Amino acid sequence: MKGKVVELVGALIGLCVIGWGIVTMSTAGESCGSHSMSDGDRCTTITGNHSSSTRSQDEQASKDQRTGLFQIGIGVLITGACVWSLLPGKKSSSEPPTQAPYPPQQWPPANPPGY
């Protein structure tokens, strides 16, 4: 039961990531950080090693589209994996293994046929 709760929470997180990606794609190019962009604005992002990156509104929209697609892809993978493990017939790793339906055979047999 505990495994199913964890998988349901994982599926819910995956759905949230998908929603976040959709919002990112639908608002692409509208903002640079917390500032809204309009035609002619440039978005400057400070990167590591004291360098910066400057993008136009169209370039920012393209970057936001790629980021949104990546988020949707990750969300689909998370949700799919969690839902797949919830399908009937799938065993969780917390369940004890079942015993084989037949006894193990020893080799070589004690009395081979014909001897």
Protein backbone atom coordinates (compact mmCIF):
# COMPACT_ATOMS: atom_id res chain seq x y z
CA MET A 1 0.00 0.00 0.00
CA LYS A 2 2.83 2.39 0.87
CA GLY A 3 4.36 1.84 -2.57
CA LYS A 4 1.12 2.81 -4.29
CA VAL A 5 0.92 6.08 -2.35
CA VAL A 6 4.48 6.95 -3.36
CA GLU A 7 3.70 6.13 -7.00
CA LEU A 8 0.51 8.22 -6.92
CA VAL A 9 2.43 11.17 -5.46
CA GLY A 10 5.08 10.69 -8.16
CA ALA A 11 2.40 10.72 -10.87
CA LEU A 12 0.93 13.90 -9.38
CA ILE A 13 4.36 15.55 -9.38
CA GLY A 14 4.81 14.51 -13.02
CA LEU A 15 1.46 16.09 -13.92
CA CYS A 16 2.50 19.31 -12.16
CA VAL A 17 5.74 19.40 -14.17
CA ILE A 18 3.71 18.93 -17.38
CA GLY A 19 1.45 21.84 -16.35
CA TRP A 20 4.49 23.99 -15.55
CA GLY A 21 5.88 23.25 -19.03
CA ILE A 22 2.58 24.21 -20.68
CA VAL A 23 2.50 27.51 -18.78
CA THR A 24 6.13 28.18 -19.72
CA MET A 25 5.37 27.61 -23.39
CA SER A 26 2.17 29.67 -23.38
CA THR A 27 3.90 32.71 -21.83
CA ALA A 28 7.07 32.41 -23.94
CA GLY A 29 8.84 35.71 -24.54
CA GLU A 30 6.55 37.71 -22.26
CA SER A 31 9.03 38.08 -19.42
CA CYS A 32 12.70 38.23 -18.57
CA GLY A 33 12.97 36.98 -15.02
CA SER A 34 10.37 39.01 -13.12
CA HIS A 35 10.27 41.87 -15.66
CA SER A 36 7.80 41.94 -18.55
CA MET A 37 9.21 42.39 -22.05
CA SER A 38 7.88 44.44 -24.94
CA ASP A 39 9.04 44.89 -28.54
CA GLY A 40 12.66 46.01 -28.75
CA ASP A 41 13.56 44.92 -25.18
CA ARG A 42 16.65 42.81 -24.52
CA CYS A 43 16.94 40.17 -21.79
CA THR A 44 20.33 39.94 -20.09
CA THR A 45 21.12 36.88 -18.00
CA ILE A 46 24.21 36.67 -15.83
CA THR A 47 25.91 33.28 -16.23
CA GLY A 48 28.84 31.71 -14.39
CA ASN A 49 32.40 33.06 -14.63
CA HIS A 50 31.23 36.71 -14.66
CA SER A 51 29.80 36.53 -18.18
CA SER A 52 26.37 37.43 -19.46
CA SER A 53 23.97 36.46 -22.21
CA THR A 54 21.68 38.95 -23.99
CA ARG A 55 18.59 37.88 -25.97
CA SER A 56 15.91 39.71 -27.93
CA GLN A 57 12.24 39.08 -27.22
CA ASP A 58 12.08 36.54 -30.09
CA GLU A 59 15.18 34.74 -28.84
CA GLN A 60 13.74 34.69 -25.31
CA ALA A 61 10.47 33.24 -26.67
CA SER A 62 12.42 30.50 -28.48
CA LYS A 63 14.35 29.68 -25.29
CA ASP A 64 11.10 29.55 -23.29
CA GLN A 65 9.56 27.21 -25.90
CA ARG A 66 12.51 24.80 -25.61
CA THR A 67 12.41 24.95 -21.81
CA GLY A 68 8.66 24.24 -21.82
CA LEU A 69 9.08 21.26 -24.15
CA PHE A 70 11.84 19.88 -21.91
CA GLN A 71 9.63 20.26 -18.83
CA ILE A 72 6.72 18.52 -20.56
CA GLY A 73 9.01 15.66 -21.64
CA ILE A 74 10.35 15.15 -18.11
CA GLY A 75 6.80 15.30 -16.71
CA VAL A 76 5.60 12.68 -19.19
CA LEU A 77 8.49 10.38 -18.24
CA ILE A 78 7.81 10.75 -14.50
CA THR A 79 4.05 10.31 -14.86
CA GLY A 80 4.42 7.39 -17.27
CA ALA A 81 6.84 5.52 -15.03
CA CYS A 82 4.63 5.98 -11.97
CA VAL A 83 1.42 5.00 -13.76
CA TRP A 84 3.15 2.00 -15.39
CA SER A 85 4.15 0.68 -11.97
CA LEU A 86 0.53 1.01 -10.79
CA LEU A 87 -0.86 -1.20 -13.58
CA PRO A 88 -2.28 -4.58 -12.52
CA GLY A 89 0.17 -7.44 -12.64
CA LYS A 90 3.15 -5.25 -11.81
CA LYS A 91 4.93 -6.11 -8.57
CA SER A 92 6.52 -3.45 -6.45
CA SER A 93 10.03 -4.03 -5.17
CA SER A 94 8.73 -4.10 -1.59
CA GLU A 95 6.74 -7.31 -2.12
CA PRO A 96 8.51 -10.54 -1.13
CA PRO A 97 9.46 -12.81 -4.03
CA THR A 98 7.22 -15.77 -4.73
CA GLN A 99 8.56 -19.31 -4.61
CA ALA A 100 8.93 -21.25 -7.83
CA PRO A 101 5.94 -23.57 -8.55
CA TYR A 102 8.26 -26.59 -8.93
CA PRO A 103 11.14 -27.86 -6.81
CA PRO A 104 14.65 -27.17 -8.08
CA GLN A 105 16.22 -30.06 -10.00
CA GLN A 106 19.61 -31.44 -9.10
CA TRP A 107 22.17 -32.26 -11.73
CA PRO A 108 23.23 -34.92 -12.47
CA PRO A 109 20.22 -37.04 -11.56
CA ALA A 110 20.83 -39.63 -8.86
CA ASN A 111 19.75 -42.63 -10.97
CA PRO A 112 19.68 -41.91 -14.70
CA PRO A 113 17.09 -43.93 -16.62
CA GLY A 114 18.40 -47.17 -18.12
CA TYR A 115 21.06 -47.92 -15.51
